[in-house]
Amino acid sequence: MAQFYDLFDAYSHNLLPTEGGYIISVFFDENSAYTRYEAISYGNVKDIYKTEDGITFQADGRKLYILMEPQNYTGKQVEPCYRDDRHKIPYRFKELNIHTSKRQDKVMVGKEPVETYTSFTVANETGYNKSYICFKADDTAETLAGYFHHSLWKEVQIPRVDANKAVDLVREVLPALMTPFGIES
């Protein structure tokens, strides 16, 4: 079974896989249920090092962004790519699959991962924000989907039936996220 570890703990113990892996970062808004997720797959690693901003991976990667927008969010008419930095993801509405819950919360999932070349940085953990590394295994896709289900249902507290439907949107995109840059199973 695929295992999750805190990204920064794994880095400090020199456990980050250099042949490729998967990172999930979650960013909780301090004043609402607004939550952003970044799911990253990476490969072709040249170097991994810590900076004052976070951990930089000199590697190719793909990022999938997932957004949970509560029904009382006041900027919901603004395209996600034009929002302030705390609420921004690099997609327009037409580039997202959107599930609206019974409570009118919206879970938005990018239709395609965003490719990154040469390097990317995973920001330092602050407050409740966390980053995890997931090692490759036969059931990695199901482990990632299980994480999103648990987080949406238990941490963000959307109804379980809506968490199931939102995770189905994530499952549709996981194959495109999980097969980049020489880390195919």
Protein backbone atom coordinates (compact mmCIF):
# COMPACT_ATOMS: atom_id res chain seq x y z
CA MET A 1 0.00 0.00 0.00
CA ALA A 2 1.25 3.48 -0.86
CA GLN A 3 2.44 5.40 2.19
CA PHE A 4 2.13 9.10 3.06
CA TYR A 5 4.79 11.00 4.98
CA ASP A 6 5.11 14.63 5.94
CA LEU A 7 7.17 16.15 3.11
CA PHE A 8 9.43 18.23 5.33
CA ASP A 9 10.08 15.36 7.75
CA ALA A 10 10.91 13.09 4.82
CA TYR A 11 13.31 15.72 3.46
CA SER A 12 15.05 16.14 6.83
CA HIS A 13 15.54 12.35 7.02
CA ASN A 14 16.72 12.14 3.40
CA LEU A 15 13.76 9.94 2.41
CA LEU A 16 12.48 11.79 -0.66
CA PRO A 17 12.47 9.50 -3.71
CA THR A 18 14.79 10.83 -6.40
CA GLU A 19 13.31 8.61 -9.12
CA GLY A 20 9.94 10.39 -8.83
CA GLY A 21 6.96 10.52 -6.57
CA TYR A 22 3.80 12.36 -5.63
CA ILE A 23 3.28 15.38 -3.41
CA ILE A 24 0.03 16.72 -2.01
CA SER A 25 -0.11 20.19 -0.47
CA VAL A 26 -3.23 21.49 1.21
CA PHE A 27 -3.84 25.17 1.97
CA PHE A 28 -6.67 25.99 4.38
CA ASP A 29 -8.07 29.52 4.55
CA GLU A 30 -7.87 30.90 8.08
CA ASN A 31 -11.30 32.56 7.95
CA SER A 32 -13.48 30.10 6.03
CA ALA A 33 -13.73 26.58 4.63
CA TYR A 34 -12.03 27.73 1.40
CA THR A 35 -9.35 25.13 0.66
CA ARG A 36 -6.81 24.69 -2.14
CA TYR A 37 -5.01 21.46 -2.97
CA GLU A 38 -1.98 20.90 -5.20
CA ALA A 39 -1.27 17.33 -6.28
CA ILE A 40 2.16 17.09 -7.90
CA SER A 41 3.83 14.22 -9.69
CA TYR A 42 7.51 14.61 -10.43
CA GLY A 43 10.29 12.82 -12.28
CA ASN A 44 13.64 13.41 -14.01
CA VAL A 45 15.05 14.68 -10.71
CA LYS A 46 18.31 16.56 -10.88
CA ASP A 47 18.39 17.93 -7.34
CA ILE A 48 16.21 18.53 -4.28
CA TYR A 49 17.18 21.25 -1.81
CA LYS A 50 15.72 23.46 0.90
CA THR A 51 15.40 27.23 0.49
CA GLU A 52 13.89 29.87 2.75
CA ASP A 53 10.62 29.55 0.77
CA GLY A 54 10.33 25.75 0.97
CA ILE A 55 11.76 22.69 -0.78
CA THR A 56 12.83 23.16 -4.39
CA PHE A 57 12.75 20.24 -6.77
CA GLN A 58 14.89 20.56 -9.88
CA ALA A 59 12.66 18.15 -11.73
CA ASP A 60 9.88 18.01 -14.25
CA GLY A 61 6.41 17.74 -12.86
CA ARG A 62 2.70 17.98 -13.32
CA LYS A 63 0.40 19.80 -10.93
CA LEU A 64 -3.29 19.24 -10.50
CA TYR A 65 -5.17 21.91 -8.57
CA ILE A 66 -8.34 21.26 -6.62
CA LEU A 67 -10.38 23.97 -4.96
CA MET A 68 -13.17 23.82 -2.41
CA GLU A 69 -15.15 27.05 -2.52
CA PRO A 70 -17.72 27.46 0.27
CA GLN A 71 -21.11 28.86 -0.68
CA ASN A 72 -20.45 32.07 1.27
CA TYR A 73 -17.22 32.92 -0.59
CA THR A 74 -17.64 36.52 -1.77
CA GLY A 75 -15.36 36.30 -4.82
CA LYS A 76 -17.07 33.36 -6.54
CA GLN A 77 -17.80 35.37 -9.71
CA VAL A 78 -14.04 35.95 -10.28
CA GLU A 79 -12.21 33.40 -12.44
CA PRO A 80 -9.96 31.29 -10.16
CA CYS A 81 -6.84 32.36 -12.10
CA TYR A 82 -7.54 36.05 -11.33
CA ARG A 83 -8.14 35.76 -7.59
CA ASP A 84 -5.73 36.96 -4.92
CA ASP A 85 -2.75 34.68 -4.19
CA ARG A 86 -4.42 32.90 -1.24
CA HIS A 87 -7.40 31.89 -3.40
CA LYS A 88 -5.81 31.47 -6.82
CA ILE A 89 -5.40 28.38 -8.97
CA PRO A 90 -4.17 28.57 -12.59
CA TYR A 91 -7.46 27.65 -14.28
CA ARG A 92 -10.43 29.48 -15.75
CA PHE A 93 -13.94 28.13 -15.07
CA LYS A 94 -14.06 26.45 -18.49
CA GLU A 95 -10.89 24.48 -17.60
CA LEU A 96 -12.47 23.00 -14.46
CA ASN A 97 -14.85 20.17 -13.67
CA ILE A 98 -17.16 21.52 -10.97
CA HIS A 99 -19.30 19.65 -8.46
CA THR A 100 -21.85 21.71 -6.51
CA SER A 101 -22.84 20.16 -3.19
CA LYS A 102 -26.27 20.11 -1.60
CA ARG A 103 -25.10 23.05 0.55
CA GLN A 104 -24.03 24.96 -2.59
CA ASP A 105 -20.31 24.54 -1.84
CA LYS A 106 -18.28 23.95 -5.01
CA VAL A 107 -15.41 21.55 -5.54
CA MET A 108 -13.43 22.47 -8.64
CA VAL A 109 -10.94 20.08 -10.23
CA GLY A 110 -8.66 20.96 -13.14
CA LYS A 111 -9.51 19.03 -16.30
CA GLU A 112 -5.79 18.67 -17.10
CA PRO A 113 -2.65 18.91 -14.97
CA VAL A 114 -0.38 21.92 -15.44
CA GLU A 115 3.14 20.97 -16.58
CA THR A 116 6.20 22.41 -14.88
CA TYR A 117 9.63 22.22 -16.42
CA THR A 118 13.07 22.49 -14.82
CA SER A 119 11.96 23.21 -11.22
CA PHE A 120 9.18 23.91 -8.75
CA THR A 121 9.06 24.81 -5.07
CA VAL A 122 6.76 23.39 -2.42
CA ALA A 123 6.07 26.21 0.04
CA ASN A 124 6.93 25.91 3.72
CA GLU A 125 4.16 24.68 5.98
CA THR A 126 2.38 27.42 7.90
CA GLY A 127 -0.59 27.18 10.24
CA TYR A 128 -2.75 24.20 9.25
CA ASN A 129 -1.24 24.00 5.77
CA LYS A 130 0.59 20.73 5.16
CA SER A 131 2.50 18.91 2.44
CA TYR A 132 2.83 15.15 2.09
CA ILE A 133 4.95 12.85 -0.03
CA CYS A 134 3.44 9.66 -1.38
CA PHE A 135 5.75 6.91 -2.60
CA LYS A 136 4.96 4.94 -5.74
CA ALA A 137 3.12 1.67 -5.25
CA ASP A 138 0.60 -0.41 -7.17
CA ASP A 139 -2.30 1.34 -5.43
CA THR A 140 -0.98 4.92 -5.45
CA ALA A 141 -3.95 6.27 -7.45
CA GLU A 142 -6.43 4.83 -4.96
CA THR A 143 -4.35 6.09 -2.03
CA LEU A 144 -4.35 9.63 -3.48
CA ALA A 145 -8.11 9.45 -4.11
CA GLY A 146 -8.62 8.19 -0.56
CA TYR A 147 -6.66 11.13 0.82
CA PHE A 148 -8.83 13.63 -1.06
CA HIS A 149 -12.01 11.90 0.09
CA HIS A 150 -10.91 11.92 3.72
CA SER A 151 -9.75 15.53 3.59
CA LEU A 152 -12.87 16.86 1.85
CA TRP A 153 -15.21 14.93 4.11
CA LYS A 154 -13.47 15.10 7.50
CA GLU A 155 -11.26 18.22 7.34
CA VAL A 156 -13.24 20.52 5.02
CA GLN A 157 -16.51 18.93 6.17
CA ILE A 158 -18.48 18.69 2.97
CA PRO A 159 -21.15 15.96 3.08
CA ARG A 160 -19.87 12.45 2.46
CA VAL A 161 -21.98 11.92 -0.67
CA ASP A 162 -20.57 15.13 -2.15
CA ALA A 163 -17.02 14.14 -1.19
CA ASN A 164 -17.59 10.89 -3.12
CA LYS A 165 -18.75 12.78 -6.21
CA ALA A 166 -15.88 15.27 -5.99
CA VAL A 167 -13.34 12.45 -5.71
CA ASP A 168 -14.83 10.87 -8.84
CA LEU A 169 -13.81 14.09 -10.66
CA VAL A 170 -10.30 13.72 -9.23
CA ARG A 171 -10.13 10.07 -10.33
CA GLU A 172 -10.86 11.12 -13.92
CA VAL A 173 -7.69 13.25 -14.01
CA LEU A 174 -5.34 11.07 -11.94
CA PRO A 175 -4.10 8.99 -14.92
CA ALA A 176 -2.87 12.17 -16.67
CA LEU A 177 -1.22 13.33 -13.44
CA MET A 178 0.46 10.03 -12.63
CA THR A 179 2.28 9.21 -15.87
CA PRO A 180 4.70 12.03 -16.61
CA PHE A 181 8.39 12.20 -17.17
CA GLY A 182 9.58 8.63 -16.80
CA ILE A 183 7.83 7.70 -13.54
CA GLU A 184 5.36 5.36 -15.21
CA SER A 185 4.74 2.16 -13.29
